[in-house]
Amino acid sequence: MPSIYYGDEQAYQGLKEERLGGDDAIRPELPDTPADLDPAGEWMRSLHRGLIGLRRQHAWLARARTEVETQSNEAITYVSSGQDQWLRVELSLAPQAQVVVTGADGELFRWAAGD
């Protein structure tokens, strides 16, 4: 199940340590205001905004059924369907990280690393 963990939308990375409090460094603290966000994370914020917009355009997804079509260590394709509608999501990491979302009307969203 795709999910967003604290800091993912900023492309934060951290290091888990095997010690008491070892999870503390996994995600850095968010700044006080959005204006203080690191510009290096803008590509990830843009990706999240696009996907959130797609989700808002398809409110039926809240009750959709999802079936995995293919999966591997580097890719997954799944279809979410409901209310006579469907979306196919293709996520891959290699040879280049990319996301492609299609529906009955064709391609609805595309993102590739470096775009």
PDB file of N, CA and C in Angstrom:
ATOM      1  N   MET A   1       0.851  -1.175   0.000  1.00  0.00           N
ATOM      2  CA  MET A   1       0.000   0.000   0.000  1.00  0.00           C
ATOM      3  C   MET A   1       0.896   1.238   0.000  1.00  0.00           C
ATOM      4  N   PRO A   2       0.802   2.042  -1.032  1.00  0.00           N
ATOM      5  CA  PRO A   2       1.585   3.280  -1.037  1.00  0.00           C
ATOM      6  C   PRO A   2       1.198   4.157   0.144  1.00  0.00           C
ATOM      7  N   SER A   3       2.178   4.779   0.748  1.00  0.00           N
ATOM      8  CA  SER A   3       1.914   5.672   1.866  1.00  0.00           C
ATOM      9  C   SER A   3       2.996   6.742   1.922  1.00  0.00           C
ATOM     10  N   ILE A   4       2.710   7.807   2.650  1.00  0.00           N
ATOM     11  CA  ILE A   4       3.662   8.890   2.834  1.00  0.00           C
ATOM     12  C   ILE A   4       4.054   8.916   4.298  1.00  0.00           C
ATOM     13  N   TYR A   5       5.340   8.780   4.576  1.00  0.00           N
ATOM     14  CA  TYR A   5       5.864   8.843   5.924  1.00  0.00           C
ATOM     15  C   TYR A   5       6.420  10.244   6.143  1.00  0.00           C
ATOM     16  N   TYR A   6       6.358  10.712   7.365  1.00  0.00           N
ATOM     17  CA  TYR A   6       6.850  12.043   7.712  1.00  0.00           C
ATOM     18  C   TYR A   6       8.180  12.331   7.021  1.00  0.00           C
ATOM     19  N   GLY A   7       8.227  13.411   6.263  1.00  0.00           N
ATOM     20  CA  GLY A   7       9.450  13.833   5.596  1.00  0.00           C
ATOM     21  C   GLY A   7       9.600  13.316   4.178  1.00  0.00           C
ATOM     22  N   ASP A   8       8.825  12.295   3.793  1.00  0.00           N
ATOM     23  CA  ASP A   8       8.922  11.776   2.423  1.00  0.00           C
ATOM     24  C   ASP A   8       8.650  12.879   1.404  1.00  0.00           C
ATOM     25  N   GLU A   9       7.687  13.735   1.713  1.00  0.00           N
ATOM     26  CA  GLU A   9       7.324  14.789   0.765  1.00  0.00           C
ATOM     27  C   GLU A   9       8.433  15.819   0.589  1.00  0.00           C
ATOM     28  N   GLN A  10       9.452  15.769   1.435  1.00  0.00           N
ATOM     29  CA  GLN A  10      10.604  16.670   1.329  1.00  0.00           C
ATOM     30  C   GLN A  10      11.847  15.940   0.816  1.00  0.00           C
ATOM     31  N   ALA A  11      11.707  14.642   0.547  1.00  0.00           N
ATOM     32  CA  ALA A  11      12.829  13.785   0.146  1.00  0.00           C
ATOM     33  C   ALA A  11      13.878  13.701   1.258  1.00  0.00           C
ATOM     34  N   TYR A  12      13.413  13.811   2.506  1.00  0.00           N
ATOM     35  CA  TYR A  12      14.331  13.689   3.631  1.00  0.00           C
ATOM     36  C   TYR A  12      14.887  12.277   3.700  1.00  0.00           C
ATOM     37  N   GLN A  13      16.104  12.184   4.133  1.00  0.00           N
ATOM     38  CA  GLN A  13      16.726  10.891   4.363  1.00  0.00           C
ATOM     39  C   GLN A  13      17.345  10.925   5.744  1.00  0.00           C
ATOM     40  N   GLY A  14      17.386   9.797   6.377  1.00  0.00           N
ATOM     41  CA  GLY A  14      17.959   9.732   7.705  1.00  0.00           C
ATOM     42  C   GLY A  14      18.620   8.398   7.927  1.00  0.00           C
ATOM     43  N   LEU A  15      19.232   8.259   9.071  1.00  0.00           N
ATOM     44  CA  LEU A  15      19.964   7.051   9.403  1.00  0.00           C
ATOM     45  C   LEU A  15      19.394   6.450  10.682  1.00  0.00           C
ATOM     46  N   LYS A  16      18.933   5.200  10.593  1.00  0.00           N
ATOM     47  CA  LYS A  16      18.452   4.489  11.778  1.00  0.00           C
ATOM     48  C   LYS A  16      19.652   3.843  12.449  1.00  0.00           C
ATOM     49  N   GLU A  17      19.739   4.030  13.752  1.00  0.00           N
ATOM     50  CA  GLU A  17      20.851   3.476  14.510  1.00  0.00           C
ATOM     51  C   GLU A  17      20.332   2.465  15.511  1.00  0.00           C
ATOM     52  N   GLU A  18      21.081   1.428  15.742  1.00  0.00           N
ATOM     53  CA  GLU A  18      20.711   0.392  16.710  1.00  0.00           C
ATOM     54  C   GLU A  18      21.143   0.836  18.109  1.00  0.00           C
ATOM     55  N   ARG A  19      20.323   1.695  18.708  1.00  0.00           N
ATOM     56  CA  ARG A  19      20.575   2.201  20.057  1.00  0.00           C
ATOM     57  C   ARG A  19      19.290   2.812  20.585  1.00  0.00           C
ATOM     58  N   LEU A  20      19.250   3.096  21.873  1.00  0.00           N
ATOM     59  CA  LEU A  20      18.104   3.771  22.454  1.00  0.00           C
ATOM     60  C   LEU A  20      17.931   5.122  21.762  1.00  0.00           C
ATOM     61  N   GLY A  21      16.735   5.392  21.258  1.00  0.00           N
ATOM     62  CA  GLY A  21      16.499   6.633  20.523  1.00  0.00           C
ATOM     63  C   GLY A  21      17.055   6.598  19.113  1.00  0.00           C
ATOM     64  N   GLY A  22      17.352   5.401  18.607  1.00  0.00           N
ATOM     65  CA  GLY A  22      17.974   5.262  17.294  1.00  0.00           C
ATOM     66  C   GLY A  22      17.105   5.670  16.131  1.00  0.00           C
ATOM     67  N   ASP A  23      15.806   5.853  16.370  1.00  0.00           N
ATOM     68  CA  ASP A  23      14.917   6.309  15.302  1.00  0.00           C
ATOM     69  C   ASP A  23      14.902   7.840  15.183  1.00  0.00           C
ATOM     70  N   ASP A  24      15.492   8.530  16.146  1.00  0.00           N
ATOM     71  CA  ASP A  24      15.407   9.986  16.195  1.00  0.00           C
ATOM     72  C   ASP A  24      15.947  10.668  14.937  1.00  0.00           C
ATOM     73  N   ALA A  25      16.991  10.119  14.350  1.00  0.00           N
ATOM     74  CA  ALA A  25      17.625  10.773  13.200  1.00  0.00           C
ATOM     75  C   ALA A  25      17.019  10.351  11.860  1.00  0.00           C
ATOM     76  N   ILE A  26      15.992   9.488  11.890  1.00  0.00           N
ATOM     77  CA  ILE A  26      15.448   9.014  10.617  1.00  0.00           C
ATOM     78  C   ILE A  26      14.862  10.170   9.806  1.00  0.00           C
ATOM     79  N   ARG A  27      14.200  11.087  10.449  1.00  0.00           N
ATOM     80  CA  ARG A  27      13.644  12.245   9.750  1.00  0.00           C
ATOM     81  C   ARG A  27      14.021  13.520  10.500  1.00  0.00           C
ATOM     82  N   PRO A  28      14.660  14.465   9.800  1.00  0.00           N
ATOM     83  CA  PRO A  28      14.991  15.736  10.446  1.00  0.00           C
ATOM     84  C   PRO A  28      13.732  16.521  10.790  1.00  0.00           C
ATOM     85  N   GLU A  29      13.866  17.447  11.686  1.00  0.00           N
ATOM     86  CA  GLU A  29      12.739  18.293  12.088  1.00  0.00           C
ATOM     87  C   GLU A  29      12.344  19.211  10.932  1.00  0.00           C
ATOM     88  N   LEU A  30      11.036  19.387  10.732  1.00  0.00           N
ATOM     89  CA  LEU A  30      10.558  20.311   9.711  1.00  0.00           C
ATOM     90  C   LEU A  30      10.801  21.750  10.164  1.00  0.00           C
ATOM     91  N   PRO A  31      11.044  22.663   9.216  1.00  0.00           N
ATOM     92  CA  PRO A  31      11.251  24.064   9.603  1.00  0.00           C
ATOM     93  C   PRO A  31       9.951  24.693  10.097  1.00  0.00           C
ATOM     94  N   ASP A  32      10.074  25.869  10.677  1.00  0.00           N
ATOM     95  CA  ASP A  32       8.917  26.563  11.244  1.00  0.00           C
ATOM     96  C   ASP A  32       7.903  27.001  10.187  1.00  0.00           C
ATOM     97  N   THR A  33       8.368  27.360   9.007  1.00  0.00           N
ATOM     98  CA  THR A  33       7.458  27.818   7.952  1.00  0.00           C
ATOM     99  C   THR A  33       7.818  27.145   6.631  1.00  0.00           C
ATOM    100  N   PRO A  34       6.851  27.023   5.706  1.00  0.00           N
ATOM    101  CA  PRO A  34       7.155  26.452   4.392  1.00  0.00           C
ATOM    102  C   PRO A  34       8.235  27.223   3.641  1.00  0.00           C
ATOM    103  N   ALA A  35       8.345  28.518   3.888  1.00  0.00           N
ATOM    104  CA  ALA A  35       9.368  29.326   3.217  1.00  0.00           C
ATOM    105  C   ALA A  35      10.773  28.868   3.580  1.00  0.00           C
ATOM    106  N   ASP A  36      10.912  28.185   4.703  1.00  0.00           N
ATOM    107  CA  ASP A  36      12.225  27.724   5.165  1.00  0.00           C
ATOM    108  C   ASP A  36      12.571  26.314   4.696  1.00  0.00           C
ATOM    109  N   LEU A  37      11.698  25.716   3.865  1.00  0.00           N
ATOM    110  CA  LEU A  37      11.986  24.372   3.363  1.00  0.00           C
ATOM    111  C   LEU A  37      13.208  24.396   2.448  1.00  0.00           C
ATOM    112  N   ASP A  38      13.967  23.329   2.481  1.00  0.00           N
ATOM    113  CA  ASP A  38      15.151  23.203   1.638  1.00  0.00           C
ATOM    114  C   ASP A  38      14.717  23.118   0.177  1.00  0.00           C
ATOM    115  N   PRO A  39      15.226  23.990  -0.690  1.00  0.00           N
ATOM    116  CA  PRO A  39      14.832  23.945  -2.102  1.00  0.00           C
ATOM    117  C   PRO A  39      15.233  22.639  -2.793  1.00  0.00           C
ATOM    118  N   ALA A  40      16.154  21.901  -2.235  1.00  0.00           N
ATOM    119  CA  ALA A  40      16.566  20.627  -2.842  1.00  0.00           C
ATOM    120  C   ALA A  40      15.427  19.613  -2.845  1.00  0.00           C
ATOM    121  N   GLY A  41      14.418  19.795  -2.001  1.00  0.00           N
ATOM    122  CA  GLY A  41      13.285  18.879  -1.950  1.00  0.00           C
ATOM    123  C   GLY A  41      12.123  19.285  -2.839  1.00  0.00           C
ATOM    124  N   GLU A  42      12.273  20.361  -3.616  1.00  0.00           N
ATOM    125  CA  GLU A  42      11.161  20.855  -4.445  1.00  0.00           C
ATOM    126  C   GLU A  42      10.683  19.818  -5.445  1.00  0.00           C
ATOM    127  N   TRP A  43      11.582  19.040  -6.013  1.00  0.00           N
ATOM    128  CA  TRP A  43      11.171  18.023  -6.987  1.00  0.00           C
ATOM    129  C   TRP A  43      10.216  17.018  -6.355  1.00  0.00           C
ATOM    130  N   MET A  44      10.472  16.645  -5.096  1.00  0.00           N
ATOM    131  CA  MET A  44       9.613  15.676  -4.425  1.00  0.00           C
ATOM    132  C   MET A  44       8.295  16.317  -4.003  1.00  0.00           C
ATOM    133  N   ARG A  45       8.342  17.567  -3.541  1.00  0.00           N
ATOM    134  CA  ARG A  45       7.101  18.270  -3.199  1.00  0.00           C
ATOM    135  C   ARG A  45       6.213  18.389  -4.430  1.00  0.00           C
ATOM    136  N   SER A  46       6.809  18.687  -5.571  1.00  0.00           N
ATOM    137  CA  SER A  46       6.051  18.804  -6.816  1.00  0.00           C
ATOM    138  C   SER A  46       5.404  17.470  -7.189  1.00  0.00           C
ATOM    139  N   LEU A  47       6.140  16.390  -7.042  1.00  0.00           N
ATOM    140  CA  LEU A  47       5.595  15.053  -7.319  1.00  0.00           C
ATOM    141  C   LEU A  47       4.411  14.766  -6.404  1.00  0.00           C
ATOM    142  N   HIS A  48       4.557  15.027  -5.111  1.00  0.00           N
ATOM    143  CA  HIS A  48       3.469  14.790  -4.160  1.00  0.00           C
ATOM    144  C   HIS A  48       2.253  15.651  -4.484  1.00  0.00           C
ATOM    145  N   ARG A  49       2.474  16.927  -4.834  1.00  0.00           N
ATOM    146  CA  ARG A  49       1.339  17.800  -5.185  1.00  0.00           C
ATOM    147  C   ARG A  49       0.584  17.241  -6.388  1.00  0.00           C
ATOM    148  N   GLY A  50       1.319  16.768  -7.388  1.00  0.00           N
ATOM    149  CA  GLY A  50       0.662  16.204  -8.567  1.00  0.00           C
ATOM    150  C   GLY A  50      -0.166  14.980  -8.234  1.00  0.00           C
ATOM    151  N   LEU A  51       0.393  14.092  -7.414  1.00  0.00           N
ATOM    152  CA  LEU A  51      -0.340  12.878  -7.046  1.00  0.00           C
ATOM    153  C   LEU A  51      -1.527  13.181  -6.133  1.00  0.00           C
ATOM    154  N   ILE A  52      -1.372  14.137  -5.246  1.00  0.00           N
ATOM    155  CA  ILE A  52      -2.496  14.535  -4.384  1.00  0.00           C
ATOM    156  C   ILE A  52      -3.605  15.147  -5.236  1.00  0.00           C
ATOM    157  N   GLY A  53      -3.234  15.957  -6.233  1.00  0.00           N
ATOM    158  CA  GLY A  53      -4.228  16.523  -7.140  1.00  0.00           C
ATOM    159  C   GLY A  53      -4.977  15.448  -7.906  1.00  0.00           C
ATOM    160  N   LEU A  54      -4.240  14.431  -8.358  1.00  0.00           N
ATOM    161  CA  LEU A  54      -4.874  13.315  -9.057  1.00  0.00           C
ATOM    162  C   LEU A  54      -5.865  12.606  -8.143  1.00  0.00           C
ATOM    163  N   ARG A  55      -5.482  12.376  -6.912  1.00  0.00           N
ATOM    164  CA  ARG A  55      -6.366  11.723  -5.934  1.00  0.00           C
ATOM    165  C   ARG A  55      -7.617  12.552  -5.691  1.00  0.00           C
ATOM    166  N   ARG A  56      -7.466  13.858  -5.587  1.00  0.00           N
ATOM    167  CA  ARG A  56      -8.625  14.730  -5.352  1.00  0.00           C
ATOM    168  C   ARG A  56      -9.568  14.744  -6.542  1.00  0.00           C
ATOM    169  N   GLN A  57      -9.041  14.594  -7.746  1.00  0.00           N
ATOM    170  CA  GLN A  57      -9.877  14.552  -8.941  1.00  0.00           C
ATOM    171  C   GLN A  57     -10.662  13.256  -9.050  1.00  0.00           C
ATOM    172  N   HIS A  58     -10.244  12.244  -8.312  1.00  0.00           N
ATOM    173  CA  HIS A  58     -10.878  10.925  -8.375  1.00  0.00           C
ATOM    174  C   HIS A  58     -11.281  10.492  -6.963  1.00  0.00           C
ATOM    175  N   ALA A  59     -12.295  11.167  -6.421  1.00  0.00           N
ATOM    176  CA  ALA A  59     -12.735  10.913  -5.043  1.00  0.00           C
ATOM    177  C   ALA A  59     -13.131   9.455  -4.822  1.00  0.00           C
ATOM    178  N   TRP A  60     -13.562   8.761  -5.854  1.00  0.00           N
ATOM    179  CA  TRP A  60     -13.966   7.358  -5.744  1.00  0.00           C
ATOM    180  C   TRP A  60     -12.818   6.466  -5.275  1.00  0.00           C
ATOM    181  N   LEU A  61     -11.581   6.935  -5.399  1.00  0.00           N
ATOM    182  CA  LEU A  61     -10.438   6.127  -4.957  1.00  0.00           C
ATOM    183  C   LEU A  61     -10.480   5.810  -3.459  1.00  0.00           C
ATOM    184  N   ALA A  62     -11.182   6.634  -2.688  1.00  0.00           N
ATOM    185  CA  ALA A  62     -11.274   6.393  -1.246  1.00  0.00           C
ATOM    186  C   ALA A  62     -11.922   5.048  -0.938  1.00  0.00           C
ATOM    187  N   ARG A  63     -12.735   4.538  -1.848  1.00  0.00           N
ATOM    188  CA  ARG A  63     -13.422   3.262  -1.639  1.00  0.00           C
ATOM    189  C   ARG A  63     -13.052   2.219  -2.698  1.00  0.00           C
ATOM    190  N   ALA A  64     -12.009   2.516  -3.435  1.00  0.00           N
ATOM    191  CA  ALA A  64     -11.605   1.621  -4.526  1.00  0.00           C
ATOM    192  C   ALA A  64     -11.001   0.319  -4.002  1.00  0.00           C
ATOM    193  N   ARG A  65     -11.066  -0.685  -4.852  1.00  0.00           N
ATOM    194  CA  ARG A  65     -10.380  -1.956  -4.598  1.00  0.00           C
ATOM    195  C   ARG A  65      -9.109  -1.935  -5.417  1.00  0.00           C
ATOM    196  N   THR A  66      -8.029  -2.403  -4.837  1.00  0.00           N
ATOM    197  CA  THR A  66      -6.739  -2.372  -5.514  1.00  0.00           C
ATOM    198  C   THR A  66      -6.202  -3.779  -5.666  1.00  0.00           C
ATOM    199  N   GLU A  67      -5.766  -4.082  -6.882  1.00  0.00           N
ATOM    200  CA  GLU A  67      -5.166  -5.382  -7.173  1.00  0.00           C
ATOM    201  C   GLU A  67      -3.808  -5.176  -7.809  1.00  0.00           C
ATOM    202  N   VAL A  68      -2.822  -5.901  -7.315  1.00  0.00           N
ATOM    203  CA  VAL A  68      -1.479  -5.836  -7.872  1.00  0.00           C
ATOM    204  C   VAL A  68      -1.435  -6.700  -9.128  1.00  0.00           C
ATOM    205  N   GLU A  69      -0.959  -6.107 -10.218  1.00  0.00           N
ATOM    206  CA  GLU A  69      -0.806  -6.857 -11.469  1.00  0.00           C
ATOM    207  C   GLU A  69       0.572  -7.497 -11.552  1.00  0.00           C
ATOM    208  N   THR A  70       1.606  -6.716 -11.284  1.00  0.00           N
ATOM    209  CA  THR A  70       2.977  -7.228 -11.295  1.00  0.00           C
ATOM    210  C   THR A  70       3.760  -6.547 -10.188  1.00  0.00           C
ATOM    211  N   GLN A  71       4.763  -7.261  -9.692  1.00  0.00           N
ATOM    212  CA  GLN A  71       5.630  -6.650  -8.686  1.00  0.00           C
ATOM    213  C   GLN A  71       6.992  -7.316  -8.714  1.00  0.00           C
ATOM    214  N   SER A  72       7.991  -6.526  -8.376  1.00  0.00           N
ATOM    215  CA  SER A  72       9.357  -7.013  -8.239  1.00  0.00           C
ATOM    216  C   SER A  72      10.055  -6.108  -7.235  1.00  0.00           C
ATOM    217  N   ASN A  73      11.323  -6.322  -7.019  1.00  0.00           N
ATOM    218  CA  ASN A  73      12.054  -5.455  -6.098  1.00  0.00           C
ATOM    219  C   ASN A  73      12.175  -4.034  -6.635  1.00  0.00           C
ATOM    220  N   GLU A  74      12.054  -3.867  -7.949  1.00  0.00           N
ATOM    221  CA  GLU A  74      12.268  -2.563  -8.559  1.00  0.00           C
ATOM    222  C   GLU A  74      11.026  -1.946  -9.181  1.00  0.00           C
ATOM    223  N   ALA A  75       9.895  -2.649  -9.153  1.00  0.00           N
ATOM    224  CA  ALA A  75       8.707  -2.104  -9.814  1.00  0.00           C
ATOM    225  C   ALA A  75       7.437  -2.747  -9.277  1.00  0.00           C
ATOM    226  N   ILE A  76       6.355  -2.002  -9.412  1.00  0.00           N
ATOM    227  CA  ILE A  76       5.029  -2.534  -9.085  1.00  0.00           C
ATOM    228  C   ILE A  76       4.013  -1.875 -10.016  1.00  0.00           C
ATOM    229  N   THR A  77       3.065  -2.658 -10.463  1.00  0.00           N
ATOM    230  CA  THR A  77       1.933  -2.147 -11.231  1.00  0.00           C
ATOM    231  C   THR A  77       0.673  -2.629 -10.540  1.00  0.00           C
ATOM    232  N   TYR A  78      -0.236  -1.682 -10.254  1.00  0.00           N
ATOM    233  CA  TYR A  78      -1.498  -2.071  -9.631  1.00  0.00           C
ATOM    234  C   TYR A  78      -2.640  -1.279 -10.256  1.00  0.00           C
ATOM    235  N   VAL A  79      -3.835  -1.836 -10.132  1.00  0.00           N
ATOM    236  CA  VAL A  79      -5.042  -1.199 -10.661  1.00  0.00           C
ATOM    237  C   VAL A  79      -6.001  -0.978  -9.503  1.00  0.00           C
ATOM    238  N   SER A  80      -6.467   0.251  -9.377  1.00  0.00           N
ATOM    239  CA  SER A  80      -7.508   0.593  -8.408  1.00  0.00           C
ATOM    240  C   SER A  80      -8.787   0.828  -9.190  1.00  0.00           C
ATOM    241  N   SER A  81      -9.881   0.213  -8.735  1.00  0.00           N
ATOM    242  CA  SER A  81     -11.138   0.346  -9.470  1.00  0.00           C
ATOM    243  C   SER A  81     -12.308   0.494  -8.513  1.00  0.00           C
ATOM    244  N   GLY A  82     -13.348   1.134  -9.032  1.00  0.00           N
ATOM    245  CA  GLY A  82     -14.575   1.320  -8.266  1.00  0.00           C
ATOM    246  C   GLY A  82     -15.493   2.266  -8.997  1.00  0.00           C
ATOM    247  N   GLN A  83     -16.772   2.153  -8.743  1.00  0.00           N
ATOM    248  CA  GLN A  83     -17.792   3.002  -9.355  1.00  0.00           C
ATOM    249  C   GLN A  83     -17.616   3.061 -10.875  1.00  0.00           C
ATOM    250  N   ASP A  84     -17.361   1.909 -11.483  1.00  0.00           N
ATOM    251  CA  ASP A  84     -17.189   1.795 -12.932  1.00  0.00           C
ATOM    252  C   ASP A  84     -16.034   2.631 -13.471  1.00  0.00           C
ATOM    253  N   GLN A  85     -15.034   2.876 -12.640  1.00  0.00           N
ATOM    254  CA  GLN A  85     -13.849   3.624 -13.047  1.00  0.00           C
ATOM    255  C   GLN A  85     -12.615   2.844 -12.618  1.00  0.00           C
ATOM    256  N   TRP A  86     -11.475   3.168 -13.210  1.00  0.00           N
ATOM    257  CA  TRP A  86     -10.239   2.502 -12.828  1.00  0.00           C
ATOM    258  C   TRP A  86      -9.039   3.401 -13.129  1.00  0.00           C
ATOM    259  N   LEU A  87      -7.973   3.159 -12.388  1.00  0.00           N
ATOM    260  CA  LEU A  87      -6.674   3.782 -12.634  1.00  0.00           C
ATOM    261  C   LEU A  87      -5.605   2.705 -12.525  1.00  0.00           C
ATOM    262  N   ARG A  88      -4.658   2.719 -13.434  1.00  0.00           N
ATOM    263  CA  ARG A  88      -3.504   1.817 -13.372  1.00  0.00           C
ATOM    264  C   ARG A  88      -2.285   2.658 -13.001  1.00  0.00           C
ATOM    265  N   VAL A  89      -1.579   2.213 -11.984  1.00  0.00           N
ATOM    266  CA  VAL A  89      -0.387   2.904 -11.511  1.00  0.00           C
ATOM    267  C   VAL A  89       0.817   2.005 -11.758  1.00  0.00           C
ATOM    268  N   GLU A  90       1.796   2.556 -12.460  1.00  0.00           N
ATOM    269  CA  GLU A  90       3.043   1.849 -12.724  1.00  0.00           C
ATOM    270  C   GLU A  90       4.172   2.629 -12.059  1.00  0.00           C
ATOM    271  N   LEU A  91       4.809   2.004 -11.084  1.00  0.00           N
ATOM    272  CA  LEU A  91       5.939   2.614 -10.376  1.00  0.00           C
ATOM    273  C   LEU A  91       7.172   1.770 -10.664  1.00  0.00           C
ATOM    274  N   SER A  92       8.258   2.418 -11.033  1.00  0.00           N
ATOM    275  CA  SER A  92       9.490   1.664 -11.246  1.00  0.00           C
ATOM    276  C   SER A  92      10.687   2.480 -10.781  1.00  0.00           C
ATOM    277  N   LEU A  93      11.725   1.767 -10.388  1.00  0.00           N
ATOM    278  CA  LEU A  93      12.959   2.404  -9.937  1.00  0.00           C
ATOM    279  C   LEU A  93      14.070   2.293 -10.959  1.00  0.00           C
ATOM    280  N   ALA A  94      13.989   1.311 -11.841  1.00  0.00           N
ATOM    281  CA  ALA A  94      15.068   1.079 -12.798  1.00  0.00           C
ATOM    282  C   ALA A  94      14.479   0.848 -14.181  1.00  0.00           C
ATOM    283  N   PRO A  95      15.096   1.262 -15.230  1.00  0.00           N
ATOM    284  CA  PRO A  95      16.414   1.896 -15.234  1.00  0.00           C
ATOM    285  C   PRO A  95      16.386   3.345 -14.742  1.00  0.00           C
ATOM    286  N   GLN A  96      15.193   3.929 -14.656  1.00  0.00           N
ATOM    287  CA  GLN A  96      15.017   5.291 -14.154  1.00  0.00           C
ATOM    288  C   GLN A  96      13.758   5.310 -13.303  1.00  0.00           C
ATOM    289  N   ALA A  97      13.797   6.015 -12.173  1.00  0.00           N
ATOM    290  CA  ALA A  97      12.608   6.121 -11.330  1.00  0.00           C
ATOM    291  C   ALA A  97      11.516   6.863 -12.092  1.00  0.00           C
ATOM    292  N   GLN A  98      10.311   6.258 -12.108  1.00  0.00           N
ATOM    293  CA  GLN A  98       9.203   6.913 -12.785  1.00  0.00           C
ATOM    294  C   GLN A  98       7.870   6.418 -12.252  1.00  0.00           C
ATOM    295  N   VAL A  99       6.850   7.242 -12.462  1.00  0.00           N
ATOM    296  CA  VAL A  99       5.469   6.926 -12.116  1.00  0.00           C
ATOM    297  C   VAL A  99       4.613   7.272 -13.328  1.00  0.00           C
ATOM    298  N   VAL A 100       3.756   6.340 -13.736  1.00  0.00           N
ATOM    299  CA  VAL A 100       2.812   6.591 -14.827  1.00  0.00           C
ATOM    300  C   VAL A 100       1.442   6.130 -14.347  1.00  0.00           C
ATOM    301  N   VAL A 101       0.457   7.020 -14.445  1.00  0.00           N
ATOM    302  CA  VAL A 101      -0.917   6.693 -14.061  1.00  0.00           C
ATOM    303  C   VAL A 101      -1.791   6.841 -15.300  1.00  0.00           C
ATOM    304  N   THR A 102      -2.519   5.774 -15.624  1.00  0.00           N
ATOM    305  CA  THR A 102      -3.441   5.805 -16.760  1.00  0.00           C
ATOM    306  C   THR A 102      -4.837   5.439 -16.279  1.00  0.00           C
ATOM    307  N   GLY A 103      -5.812   5.856 -17.058  1.00  0.00           N
ATOM    308  CA  GLY A 103      -7.203   5.526 -16.789  1.00  0.00           C
ATOM    309  C   GLY A 103      -7.915   5.315 -18.108  1.00  0.00           C
ATOM    310  N   ALA A 104      -9.216   5.227 -18.061  1.00  0.00           N
ATOM    311  CA  ALA A 104     -10.008   4.993 -19.266  1.00  0.00           C
ATOM    312  C   ALA A 104      -9.791   6.092 -20.307  1.00  0.00           C
ATOM    313  N   ASP A 105      -9.451   7.293 -19.861  1.00  0.00           N
ATOM    314  CA  ASP A 105      -9.243   8.419 -20.773  1.00  0.00           C
ATOM    315  C   ASP A 105      -7.786   8.554 -21.221  1.00  0.00           C
ATOM    316  N   GLY A 106      -6.947   7.585 -20.898  1.00  0.00           N
ATOM    317  CA  GLY A 106      -5.543   7.641 -21.294  1.00  0.00           C
ATOM    318  C   GLY A 106      -4.637   8.014 -20.133  1.00  0.00           C
ATOM    319  N   GLU A 107      -3.470   8.548 -20.468  1.00  0.00           N
ATOM    320  CA  GLU A 107      -2.486   8.902 -19.448  1.00  0.00           C
ATOM    321  C   GLU A 107      -2.958  10.123 -18.664  1.00  0.00           C
ATOM    322  N   LEU A 108      -2.949   9.993 -17.332  1.00  0.00           N
ATOM    323  CA  LEU A 108      -3.406  11.069 -16.456  1.00  0.00           C
ATOM    324  C   LEU A 108      -2.268  11.750 -15.724  1.00  0.00           C
ATOM    325  N   PHE A 109      -1.171  11.028 -15.559  1.00  0.00           N
ATOM    326  CA  PHE A 109      -0.045  11.579 -14.786  1.00  0.00           C
ATOM    327  C   PHE A 109       1.213  10.851 -15.183  1.00  0.00           C
ATOM    328  N   ARG A 110       2.307  11.597 -15.307  1.00  0.00           N
ATOM    329  CA  ARG A 110       3.607  11.002 -15.590  1.00  0.00           C
ATOM    330  C   ARG A 110       4.680  11.816 -14.886  1.00  0.00           C
ATOM    331  N   TRP A 111       5.597  11.103 -14.268  1.00  0.00           N
ATOM    332  CA  TRP A 111       6.766  11.742 -13.653  1.00  0.00           C
ATOM    333  C   TRP A 111       7.940  10.790 -13.825  1.00  0.00           C
ATOM    334  N   ALA A 112       9.108  11.355 -14.120  1.00  0.00           N
ATOM    335  CA  ALA A 112      10.334  10.566 -14.191  1.00  0.00           C
ATOM    336  C   ALA A 112      11.441  11.365 -13.517  1.00  0.00           C
ATOM    337  N   ALA A 113      12.350  10.663 -12.858  1.00  0.00           N
ATOM    338  CA  ALA A 113      13.462  11.311 -12.197  1.00  0.00           C
ATOM    339  C   ALA A 113      14.204  12.187 -13.207  1.00  0.00           C
ATOM    340  N   GLY A 114      14.527  13.383 -12.788  1.00  0.00           N
ATOM    341  CA  GLY A 114      15.221  14.300 -13.671  1.00  0.00           C
ATOM    342  C   GLY A 114      14.319  15.226 -14.450  1.00  0.00           C
ATOM    343  N   ASP A 115      13.004  14.994 -14.386  1.00  0.00           N
ATOM    344  CA  ASP A 115      12.059  15.878 -15.096  1.00  0.00           C
ATOM    345  C   ASP A 115      11.959  17.224 -14.406  1.00  0.00           C
TER     346      ASP A 115
END
